Amino acid sequence: MKGMLRLPSARARKLAVVAVFALLSFSSPITVQPILAEERPDATAQREQQKYREAAWSHFRKLCNENAGEKIYRTVENVEGIFLERPRTKPSEFDLRDQHWMGDPYGLVMYPPAEIARYLNFLDPKGIPTKRKTARQGFKYVITRQSDGKYLAHRLDPANENLVSTRAAMQPSRYAITWRDVSTDEDRKYWVAGGQLRIIDVVTADVLGERIGYVLDSGFGSTAGGRVPWLIARRNACPPIERNVAKDRLFVEQVLKPIGAGSDGK
C-alpha cells in the first residue's frame, strides 16, 4: 500500500543482531578507571585536631617546667593580720566556659566570702579549716578595700566563728596578698591558663613569696554533657591543686606565720 512504512524482513533483523554481537566481540574491552578522590575533609580535620592537641600539651609542659612552682624569698614570724589586696569574685557560668576569661582558673575560688574566713579559721592537723580550736590558729584579721577606697576589717566571732566585718580607718597590715592572671594569648589559644599568687611587703615593696600555677583543659572548650571547661581543667594542673579550700592560705603560711600558731602550723 502506498505510503506505508515497510519493516525489515525477519532475515534482515537476524543479520543485524549477529553483526552487532560480532562488533562487540572484536572491540577492546572497556576498562573502568577508578576515580582518585581527594582526601576526605573529615580525615584532614582529624589530623589537624591531633596536631593541635599535641601542640597544646607540649606548650603546657613547657610552661610547667620553666615557670610553675612555689618560691619563698623571706619568711616573717608572728604576723597578726594580712591585707587581701584583691579578693576574688565568684565566676559566672559564662566565665567558666570562656576561653579568654582572665580570672585565674588555677586559683579559682567559687565562694569568695569564704576565702576571707579561710585565713582566719583554725586548721586541723591535715590543714583543713575547722571551728574546733587547734594549735593551728589563723590570722587575727583580714583587711579588704572596698570600691570606694575605704577598708573593711574582717574577724571571726569567738562565740560562733562567724565572719564579722567592720569599717577600718586605715589598712594596718604590712603584708599584702594579691593575685593576677599571667596567661598570654598563646596560652589561651591552647586552653591553658596561668595564675600567680604573691605575698608582698607593702613597706619595702619586696616580694616575699610567689606561686605560679597552670591548668589545661584537655577537652579544649568542649561543653558536651554539661562539661565546664575551666573546672575540669583543674585536673590537669601544675603544681597539682590540693583538694583543700585553704590551699592559698597553706602557701601564704609558709611565708607569713600567724601570731600564736603552734609548732604544727608550718
Protein backbone atom coordinates (compact mmCIF):
# COMPACT_ATOMS: atom_id res chain seq x y z
CA MET A 1 0.00 0.00 0.00
CA LYS A 2 1.37 3.38 -1.00
CA GLY A 3 2.86 5.45 1.83
CA MET A 4 3.03 2.53 4.32
CA LEU A 5 6.34 2.02 6.21
CA ARG A 6 7.89 -1.33 5.36
CA LEU A 7 9.61 -3.18 8.21
CA PRO A 8 12.80 -5.17 7.57
CA SER A 9 12.25 -8.83 6.97
CA ALA A 10 12.88 -11.34 9.74
CA ARG A 11 16.08 -12.47 7.98
CA ALA A 12 17.38 -8.91 7.83
CA ARG A 13 16.71 -8.39 11.51
CA LYS A 14 18.65 -11.56 12.43
CA LEU A 15 21.63 -10.48 10.34
CA ALA A 16 21.64 -7.10 12.10
CA VAL A 17 21.73 -8.71 15.55
CA VAL A 18 24.59 -11.01 14.53
CA ALA A 19 26.55 -8.03 13.21
CA VAL A 20 26.17 -6.17 16.49
CA PHE A 21 27.40 -9.13 18.56
CA ALA A 22 30.35 -9.60 16.21
CA LEU A 23 31.30 -5.95 16.57
CA LEU A 24 31.18 -6.14 20.37
CA SER A 25 33.25 -9.35 20.37
CA PHE A 26 36.13 -7.79 18.43
CA SER A 27 36.09 -4.44 20.24
CA SER A 28 38.61 -3.67 23.01
CA PRO A 29 37.17 -4.32 26.48
CA ILE A 30 36.09 -1.23 28.34
CA THR A 31 38.21 -0.62 31.41
CA VAL A 32 36.64 1.39 34.20
CA GLN A 33 39.32 3.55 35.76
CA PRO A 34 38.81 4.29 39.47
CA ILE A 35 38.34 7.96 40.26
CA LEU A 36 41.01 9.05 42.69
CA ALA A 37 39.13 11.10 45.27
CA GLU A 38 40.85 13.77 47.30
CA GLU A 39 41.43 13.02 50.99
CA ARG A 40 38.16 13.19 52.91
CA PRO A 41 37.63 16.51 54.67
CA ASP A 42 36.92 14.77 57.98
CA ALA A 43 40.26 12.94 57.83
CA THR A 44 42.07 16.22 57.24
CA ALA A 45 40.24 17.81 60.17
CA GLN A 46 41.12 14.91 62.44
CA ARG A 47 44.79 15.22 61.54
CA GLU A 48 44.73 18.96 62.26
CA GLN A 49 42.98 18.39 65.58
CA GLN A 50 45.62 15.86 66.58
CA LYS A 51 48.39 18.33 65.73
CA TYR A 52 46.61 20.98 67.82
CA ARG A 53 46.27 18.64 70.83
CA GLU A 54 49.93 17.66 70.69
CA ALA A 55 51.00 21.31 70.41
CA ALA A 56 48.78 22.25 73.37
CA TRP A 57 50.22 19.58 75.65
CA SER A 58 53.75 20.46 74.58
CA HIS A 59 53.09 24.13 75.35
CA PHE A 60 51.59 23.27 78.74
CA ARG A 61 54.51 21.05 79.76
CA LYS A 62 56.99 23.74 78.73
CA LEU A 63 55.26 26.29 80.97
CA CYS A 64 55.18 23.82 83.84
CA ASN A 65 58.87 23.05 83.51
CA GLU A 66 60.01 26.65 83.10
CA ASN A 67 57.62 28.78 85.16
CA ALA A 68 55.39 26.83 87.53
CA GLY A 69 56.09 26.30 91.21
CA GLU A 70 56.45 27.98 94.58
CA LYS A 71 59.24 30.36 95.56
CA ILE A 72 59.86 31.69 99.06
CA TYR A 73 62.32 34.57 99.40
CA ARG A 74 61.79 35.56 103.02
CA THR A 75 59.63 34.42 105.94
CA VAL A 76 58.10 36.50 108.72
CA GLU A 77 57.10 35.29 112.20
CA ASN A 78 54.20 36.43 114.40
CA VAL A 79 52.08 38.12 111.77
CA GLU A 80 48.82 39.41 113.22
CA GLY A 81 46.87 40.19 110.06
CA ILE A 82 47.04 40.47 106.30
CA PHE A 83 45.74 42.77 103.59
CA LEU A 84 43.84 40.79 100.96
CA GLU A 85 44.52 43.30 98.23
CA ARG A 86 42.45 41.64 95.54
CA PRO A 87 39.71 39.36 96.89
CA ARG A 88 38.44 37.03 94.23
CA THR A 89 34.97 37.35 92.75
CA LYS A 90 32.65 34.46 92.01
CA PRO A 91 32.87 33.42 88.34
CA SER A 92 29.71 33.11 86.27
CA GLU A 93 28.79 30.05 84.24
CA PHE A 94 29.80 32.03 81.16
CA ASP A 95 33.22 32.80 82.68
CA LEU A 96 33.93 29.12 83.30
CA ARG A 97 33.24 28.35 79.63
CA ASP A 98 35.04 31.38 78.22
CA GLN A 99 38.40 30.56 76.67
CA HIS A 100 39.67 34.08 77.41
CA TRP A 101 38.28 34.57 80.91
CA MET A 102 41.21 36.18 82.73
CA GLY A 103 40.06 35.09 86.16
CA ASP A 104 42.92 32.72 87.03
CA PRO A 105 41.32 29.26 86.75
CA TYR A 106 44.30 27.83 88.66
CA GLY A 107 43.48 29.85 91.78
CA LEU A 108 39.73 29.58 91.27
CA VAL A 109 37.57 30.42 94.30
CA MET A 110 33.89 29.59 93.90
CA TYR A 111 32.64 31.20 97.12
CA PRO A 112 34.56 34.47 97.68
CA PRO A 113 33.27 35.42 101.18
CA ALA A 114 34.61 32.11 102.45
CA GLU A 115 38.05 32.98 101.04
CA ILE A 116 38.42 35.58 103.78
CA ALA A 117 37.34 33.19 106.51
CA ARG A 118 39.90 30.61 105.35
CA TYR A 119 42.70 32.90 106.53
CA LEU A 120 41.04 33.24 109.95
CA ASN A 121 39.86 29.71 110.72
CA PHE A 122 41.66 27.15 112.81
CA LEU A 123 43.15 24.28 110.85
CA ASP A 124 43.09 20.63 111.82
CA PRO A 125 46.30 18.55 111.67
CA LYS A 126 45.67 17.91 107.96
CA GLY A 127 45.32 21.61 107.19
CA ILE A 128 41.53 21.53 106.81
CA PRO A 129 39.57 24.53 108.21
CA THR A 130 37.66 23.69 111.37
CA LYS A 131 35.61 25.52 114.02
CA ARG A 132 37.28 23.42 116.68
CA LYS A 133 40.15 25.24 118.37
CA THR A 134 43.52 23.76 117.47
CA ALA A 135 47.16 24.79 117.69
CA ARG A 136 46.96 25.99 114.08
CA GLN A 137 45.38 29.36 114.61
CA GLY A 138 44.63 31.65 111.71
CA PHE A 139 45.42 35.34 111.38
CA LYS A 140 43.64 37.69 113.78
CA TYR A 141 42.19 39.84 110.98
CA VAL A 142 41.97 40.23 107.21
CA ILE A 143 41.69 43.67 105.63
CA THR A 144 39.97 44.29 102.29
CA ARG A 145 39.42 47.51 100.34
CA GLN A 146 36.00 48.45 99.00
CA SER A 147 35.24 50.06 95.67
CA ASP A 148 35.01 53.48 97.38
CA GLY A 149 38.59 53.10 98.61
CA LYS A 150 37.63 52.54 102.26
CA TYR A 151 38.68 49.49 104.23
CA LEU A 152 36.88 46.65 105.97
CA ALA A 153 38.39 44.61 108.79
CA HIS A 154 37.20 41.01 108.97
CA ARG A 155 37.43 38.87 112.10
CA LEU A 156 35.83 35.72 113.41
CA ASP A 157 33.25 35.99 116.17
CA PRO A 158 34.81 33.94 119.01
CA ALA A 159 31.37 32.75 120.10
CA ASN A 160 30.34 31.07 116.85
CA GLU A 161 33.25 31.50 114.41
CA ASN A 162 31.06 33.51 112.02
CA LEU A 163 32.67 36.25 109.95
CA VAL A 164 32.25 39.77 111.34
CA SER A 165 33.15 42.78 109.17
CA THR A 166 33.58 46.36 110.39
CA ARG A 167 34.83 49.62 108.91
CA ALA A 168 38.52 50.31 109.32
CA ALA A 169 40.01 53.78 109.26
CA MET A 170 43.21 52.52 107.68
CA GLN A 171 44.99 49.46 106.35
CA PRO A 172 47.12 48.33 109.32
CA SER A 173 48.86 45.26 107.90
CA ARG A 174 52.34 45.41 106.47
CA TYR A 175 51.75 42.33 104.32
CA ALA A 176 49.53 42.07 101.26
CA ILE A 177 48.27 39.04 99.35
CA THR A 178 47.44 39.57 95.69
CA TRP A 179 46.94 37.56 92.52
CA ARG A 180 46.88 38.05 88.79
CA ASP A 181 46.29 36.00 85.67
CA VAL A 182 49.60 35.56 83.86
CA SER A 183 48.16 33.88 80.76
CA THR A 184 49.25 35.03 77.32
CA ASP A 185 47.29 34.92 74.07
CA GLU A 186 49.41 31.91 73.10
CA ASP A 187 48.42 30.13 76.32
CA ARG A 188 44.73 30.78 75.83
CA LYS A 189 44.89 29.62 72.21
CA TYR A 190 45.61 26.17 73.64
CA TRP A 191 43.11 26.43 76.55
CA VAL A 192 45.97 26.92 79.02
CA ALA A 193 45.61 29.40 81.89
CA GLY A 194 48.21 30.60 84.38
CA GLY A 195 47.79 32.34 87.72
CA GLN A 196 50.20 33.96 90.15
CA LEU A 197 49.73 34.42 93.91
CA ARG A 198 52.13 36.84 95.64
CA ILE A 199 52.92 37.90 99.20
CA ILE A 200 54.28 41.46 99.31
CA ASP A 201 55.84 43.65 101.98
CA VAL A 202 53.92 46.88 101.35
CA VAL A 203 56.57 48.98 103.13
CA THR A 204 59.53 47.85 101.04
CA ALA A 205 57.55 46.55 98.02
CA ASP A 206 59.58 43.33 98.28
CA VAL A 207 58.02 40.10 97.06
CA LEU A 208 58.35 37.63 99.93
CA GLY A 209 56.98 34.63 98.11
CA GLU A 210 55.08 33.67 94.99
CA ARG A 211 53.30 30.71 93.45
CA ILE A 212 52.68 30.28 89.74
CA GLY A 213 50.38 27.54 88.52
CA TYR A 214 48.91 26.44 85.20
CA VAL A 215 45.92 24.39 84.11
CA LEU A 216 44.98 22.92 80.74
CA ASP A 217 41.53 21.92 79.56
CA SER A 218 42.13 18.65 77.73
CA GLY A 219 38.65 18.92 76.20
CA PHE A 220 39.67 22.24 74.61
CA GLY A 221 36.48 24.04 75.47
CA SER A 222 34.01 21.22 74.91
CA THR A 223 30.76 21.69 76.82
CA ALA A 224 29.27 18.35 75.79
CA GLY A 225 27.23 16.68 78.51
CA GLY A 226 27.24 19.81 80.66
CA ARG A 227 31.02 19.91 80.77
CA VAL A 228 32.50 23.08 82.40
CA PRO A 229 35.96 23.60 80.81
CA TRP A 230 37.79 25.66 83.46
CA LEU A 231 36.52 23.50 86.32
CA ILE A 232 37.64 20.28 84.64
CA ALA A 233 40.94 21.89 83.60
CA ARG A 234 41.99 21.89 87.25
CA ARG A 235 42.55 18.15 86.94
CA ASN A 236 45.50 18.96 84.68
CA ALA A 237 47.42 21.36 86.88
CA CYS A 238 51.00 22.14 87.75
CA PRO A 239 51.73 22.21 90.60
CA PRO A 240 48.87 19.78 91.35
CA ILE A 241 45.94 21.53 93.03
CA GLU A 242 45.30 20.32 96.54
CA ARG A 243 41.70 19.36 97.23
CA ASN A 244 41.61 21.78 100.14
CA VAL A 245 39.67 25.03 100.30
CA ALA A 246 42.54 26.53 102.32
CA LYS A 247 45.15 25.83 99.64
CA ASP A 248 46.08 29.52 99.22
CA ARG A 249 46.44 30.00 102.96
CA LEU A 250 48.66 26.93 103.25
CA PHE A 251 51.08 28.56 100.83
CA VAL A 252 50.83 32.00 102.47
CA GLU A 253 51.60 30.48 105.87
CA GLN A 254 54.88 29.16 104.54
CA VAL A 255 55.87 32.84 104.28
CA LEU A 256 53.80 34.60 106.93
CA LYS A 257 53.48 32.74 110.25
CA PRO A 258 50.32 33.75 112.17
CA ILE A 259 50.89 35.01 115.69
CA GLY A 260 50.20 32.33 118.26
CA ALA A 261 50.33 29.46 115.76
CA GLY A 262 51.53 26.22 117.30
CA SER A 263 54.54 24.23 116.26
CA ASP A 264 52.46 22.18 113.84
CA GLY A 265 51.34 25.31 111.99
CA LYS A 266 54.13 25.04 109.46
